[in-house]
Amino acid sequence: MNESNFRPEAGLILISEPFLADMYFKRSVVLLSEHDVEGSIGFILNKPTDITVNDAIDDFPVFDAPLYFGGPVSTDTLYYIHTIGEQLEGSREIMNGVYWGGSFEQLKELILSGTVTPDQIRFYAGYSGWDNDQLDMELKEHAWLISSGSMSYSFYKNPSMLWKQVLRSMGKEYARMAEFPEDPSLN
């Protein structure tokens, strides 16, 4: 779907334009989890780190889940999106079936009981944030495309291919963008 059909809101995704050189957002897909007059918050869906959630957190049940880089804001804080929903008190629905946050103590209990599996949750160090008009300005500057989000994108099995997959799903014009080389000077 064409990005001009959307205005930023929770549940949509931002796709960086092919030549965005920003070291944090180059070829990234960001799930917007909040957008209001105060600003926007999202998580980069396709930047896994080399460590697991257990490497990053003490006093956490053994849980074989990677830690993703959510963005450059508050990188010393853990965030999570999940499909657990109402089982996690205080979680907020971002889109149909995808939730953000909730009780950390309840989450640990659910993991200990085997109720939650790694494919139901993604952990993030940090988040992506924009002040009240900053994202709108970046959209006007064509740094981002906007498209509808989905549960499958939020928990995509091959994050290194997500950016290309999302562009391809947006139609022929965007599918061509997915094939642009990362460094045009090498072409």
Protein backbone atom coordinates (compact mmCIF):
# COMPACT_ATOMS: atom_id res chain seq x y z
CA MET A 1 0.00 0.00 0.00
CA ASN A 2 1.29 3.46 -0.86
CA GLU A 3 2.80 5.31 2.08
CA SER A 4 0.85 8.46 1.24
CA ASN A 5 -2.35 6.67 2.34
CA PHE A 6 -1.16 6.59 5.95
CA ARG A 7 -0.52 9.03 8.76
CA PRO A 8 1.66 7.81 11.64
CA GLU A 9 -0.21 5.84 14.30
CA ALA A 10 0.35 2.86 16.56
CA GLY A 11 0.42 -0.43 14.66
CA LEU A 12 1.88 0.97 11.45
CA ILE A 13 5.45 0.40 10.38
CA LEU A 14 8.09 2.82 9.19
CA ILE A 15 10.42 1.60 6.46
CA SER A 16 13.64 3.55 6.00
CA GLU A 17 14.25 4.77 2.49
CA PRO A 18 17.02 2.82 0.71
CA PHE A 19 19.79 5.37 1.05
CA LEU A 20 19.16 6.56 4.60
CA ALA A 21 22.69 6.63 6.00
CA ASP A 22 21.81 6.96 9.68
CA MET A 23 23.78 4.26 11.54
CA TYR A 24 20.81 3.33 13.71
CA PHE A 25 18.08 3.30 11.10
CA LYS A 26 19.80 2.21 7.88
CA ARG A 27 17.48 -0.33 6.17
CA SER A 28 15.30 -0.63 9.22
CA VAL A 29 11.66 -1.46 9.81
CA VAL A 30 10.18 0.23 12.87
CA LEU A 31 6.90 -0.79 14.49
CA LEU A 32 5.17 2.30 15.86
CA SER A 33 3.80 1.47 19.28
CA GLU A 34 2.67 4.98 20.16
CA HIS A 35 2.00 8.20 18.27
CA ASP A 36 0.33 11.24 19.78
CA VAL A 37 0.79 14.99 20.19
CA GLU A 38 3.78 14.42 22.49
CA GLY A 39 5.68 12.29 19.96
CA SER A 40 6.20 8.76 18.74
CA ILE A 41 7.71 5.55 20.10
CA GLY A 42 8.63 2.47 18.11
CA PHE A 43 10.91 -0.55 17.99
CA ILE A 44 13.26 -1.58 15.19
CA LEU A 45 12.05 -5.03 14.16
CA ASN A 46 15.04 -6.16 12.13
CA LYS A 47 18.16 -5.47 14.24
CA PRO A 48 18.91 -8.49 16.45
CA THR A 49 22.01 -8.25 18.61
CA ASP A 50 24.51 -11.03 19.28
CA ILE A 51 23.27 -11.53 22.81
CA THR A 52 20.24 -13.15 24.42
CA VAL A 53 17.88 -11.65 26.95
CA ASN A 54 19.59 -13.75 29.65
CA ASP A 55 22.96 -12.19 28.76
CA ALA A 56 21.45 -8.75 29.32
CA ILE A 57 19.36 -9.28 32.47
CA ASP A 58 20.20 -10.76 35.84
CA ASP A 59 17.50 -12.55 37.82
CA PHE A 60 15.55 -13.63 34.73
CA PRO A 61 14.36 -17.16 34.00
CA VAL A 62 16.37 -19.12 31.44
CA PHE A 63 14.75 -18.16 28.15
CA ASP A 64 16.27 -18.71 24.73
CA ALA A 65 15.33 -15.40 23.13
CA PRO A 66 17.56 -12.92 21.30
CA LEU A 67 17.81 -9.31 22.37
CA TYR A 68 17.02 -6.82 19.60
CA PHE A 69 18.24 -3.25 19.25
CA GLY A 70 15.00 -1.27 19.53
CA GLY A 71 16.52 2.12 18.87
CA PRO A 72 18.99 4.63 20.26
CA VAL A 73 16.86 5.92 23.16
CA SER A 74 17.25 4.38 26.66
CA THR A 75 19.40 1.49 25.45
CA ASP A 76 19.99 0.42 29.04
CA THR A 77 16.28 -0.37 29.46
CA LEU A 78 14.44 -3.53 28.37
CA TYR A 79 11.21 -3.32 26.38
CA TYR A 80 9.12 -6.08 24.85
CA ILE A 81 6.33 -6.70 22.40
CA HIS A 82 4.35 -9.92 22.56
CA THR A 83 1.26 -11.91 21.64
CA ILE A 84 0.39 -12.81 25.24
CA GLY A 85 -2.16 -10.03 25.50
CA GLU A 86 -4.39 -9.77 28.55
CA GLN A 87 -2.39 -12.43 30.40
CA LEU A 88 0.13 -9.68 31.08
CA GLU A 89 -1.39 -7.01 33.27
CA GLY A 90 -0.77 -3.50 31.98
CA SER A 91 0.09 -4.51 28.42
CA ARG A 92 -1.18 -2.25 25.61
CA GLU A 93 -2.47 -3.53 22.29
CA ILE A 94 -0.52 -1.94 19.44
CA MET A 95 -2.40 -3.73 16.66
CA ASN A 96 -4.61 -6.77 16.44
CA GLY A 97 -2.85 -9.48 18.47
CA VAL A 98 0.39 -7.55 19.16
CA TYR A 99 0.95 -5.99 22.59
CA TRP A 100 3.58 -3.80 24.20
CA GLY A 101 4.89 -4.13 27.74
CA GLY A 102 3.00 -5.25 30.81
CA SER A 103 3.94 -6.60 34.21
CA PHE A 104 7.55 -7.75 34.21
CA GLU A 105 7.00 -9.93 37.29
CA GLN A 106 4.03 -11.66 35.65
CA LEU A 107 6.12 -12.19 32.53
CA LYS A 108 8.82 -13.94 34.54
CA GLU A 109 6.17 -16.17 36.16
CA LEU A 110 4.67 -17.07 32.77
CA ILE A 111 8.13 -17.94 31.44
CA LEU A 112 8.92 -20.08 34.51
CA SER A 113 5.63 -21.96 34.08
CA GLY A 114 6.33 -22.59 30.38
CA THR A 115 3.25 -20.62 29.36
CA VAL A 116 5.26 -18.22 27.20
CA THR A 117 7.58 -19.36 24.40
CA PRO A 118 10.28 -17.32 22.63
CA ASP A 119 8.17 -17.06 19.45
CA GLN A 120 5.52 -15.10 21.39
CA ILE A 121 7.77 -12.28 22.54
CA ARG A 122 10.56 -9.99 21.33
CA PHE A 123 12.88 -8.18 23.71
CA TYR A 124 14.45 -4.82 22.86
CA ALA A 125 17.29 -2.81 24.32
CA GLY A 126 16.15 0.76 23.83
CA TYR A 127 13.51 2.25 21.60
CA SER A 128 13.13 4.65 18.69
CA GLY A 129 11.64 7.98 19.68
CA TRP A 130 10.59 11.18 18.00
CA ASP A 131 9.50 14.47 19.55
CA ASN A 132 6.03 15.81 18.72
CA ASP A 133 6.64 17.02 15.13
CA GLN A 134 9.96 15.31 14.44
CA LEU A 135 8.53 12.22 12.73
CA ASP A 136 6.22 14.33 10.55
CA MET A 137 9.26 16.36 9.46
CA GLU A 138 11.23 13.20 8.62
CA LEU A 139 8.27 11.92 6.61
CA LYS A 140 8.15 15.18 4.64
CA GLU A 141 11.88 14.76 3.98
CA HIS A 142 11.16 11.24 2.62
CA ALA A 143 13.38 9.50 5.17
CA TRP A 144 10.57 6.99 5.83
CA LEU A 145 7.79 5.14 4.06
CA ILE A 146 4.73 4.11 6.07
CA SER A 147 2.84 0.85 5.65
CA SER A 148 0.45 -1.32 7.60
CA GLY A 149 2.03 -3.51 10.22
CA SER A 150 1.26 -7.13 10.88
CA MET A 151 1.92 -9.77 13.48
CA SER A 152 4.07 -11.64 10.97
CA TYR A 153 6.32 -8.58 10.47
CA SER A 154 6.52 -8.01 14.23
CA PHE A 155 7.85 -11.54 14.76
CA TYR A 156 9.52 -12.14 11.40
CA LYS A 157 11.69 -15.27 11.46
CA ASN A 158 14.47 -13.86 9.25
CA PRO A 159 14.99 -10.25 10.40
CA SER A 160 17.83 -9.62 7.95
CA MET A 161 15.32 -10.01 5.08
CA LEU A 162 12.43 -8.04 6.64
CA TRP A 163 13.26 -4.66 5.08
CA LYS A 164 13.27 -6.15 1.57
CA GLN A 165 10.17 -8.26 2.25
CA VAL A 166 8.14 -5.29 3.44
CA LEU A 167 9.12 -3.21 0.39
CA ARG A 168 8.24 -6.07 -1.96
CA SER A 169 4.83 -6.45 -0.32
CA MET A 170 4.08 -2.76 -0.97
CA GLY A 171 3.90 -3.19 -4.74
CA LYS A 172 5.99 -3.00 -7.89
CA GLU A 173 7.40 0.51 -7.37
CA TYR A 174 8.65 -0.34 -3.89
CA ALA A 175 9.82 -3.83 -4.85
CA ARG A 176 12.41 -2.17 -7.11
CA MET A 177 13.67 -0.17 -4.12
CA ALA A 178 14.30 -3.42 -2.25
CA GLU A 179 16.94 -4.33 -4.85
CA PHE A 180 18.90 -1.07 -4.61
CA PRO A 181 22.47 -1.81 -3.49
CA GLU A 182 23.34 -0.71 0.05
CA ASP A 183 26.33 1.19 -1.30
CA PRO A 184 25.54 2.58 -4.79
CA SER A 185 29.21 3.48 -5.32
CA LEU A 186 29.98 -0.26 -5.49
CA ASN A 187 27.56 -0.71 -8.38
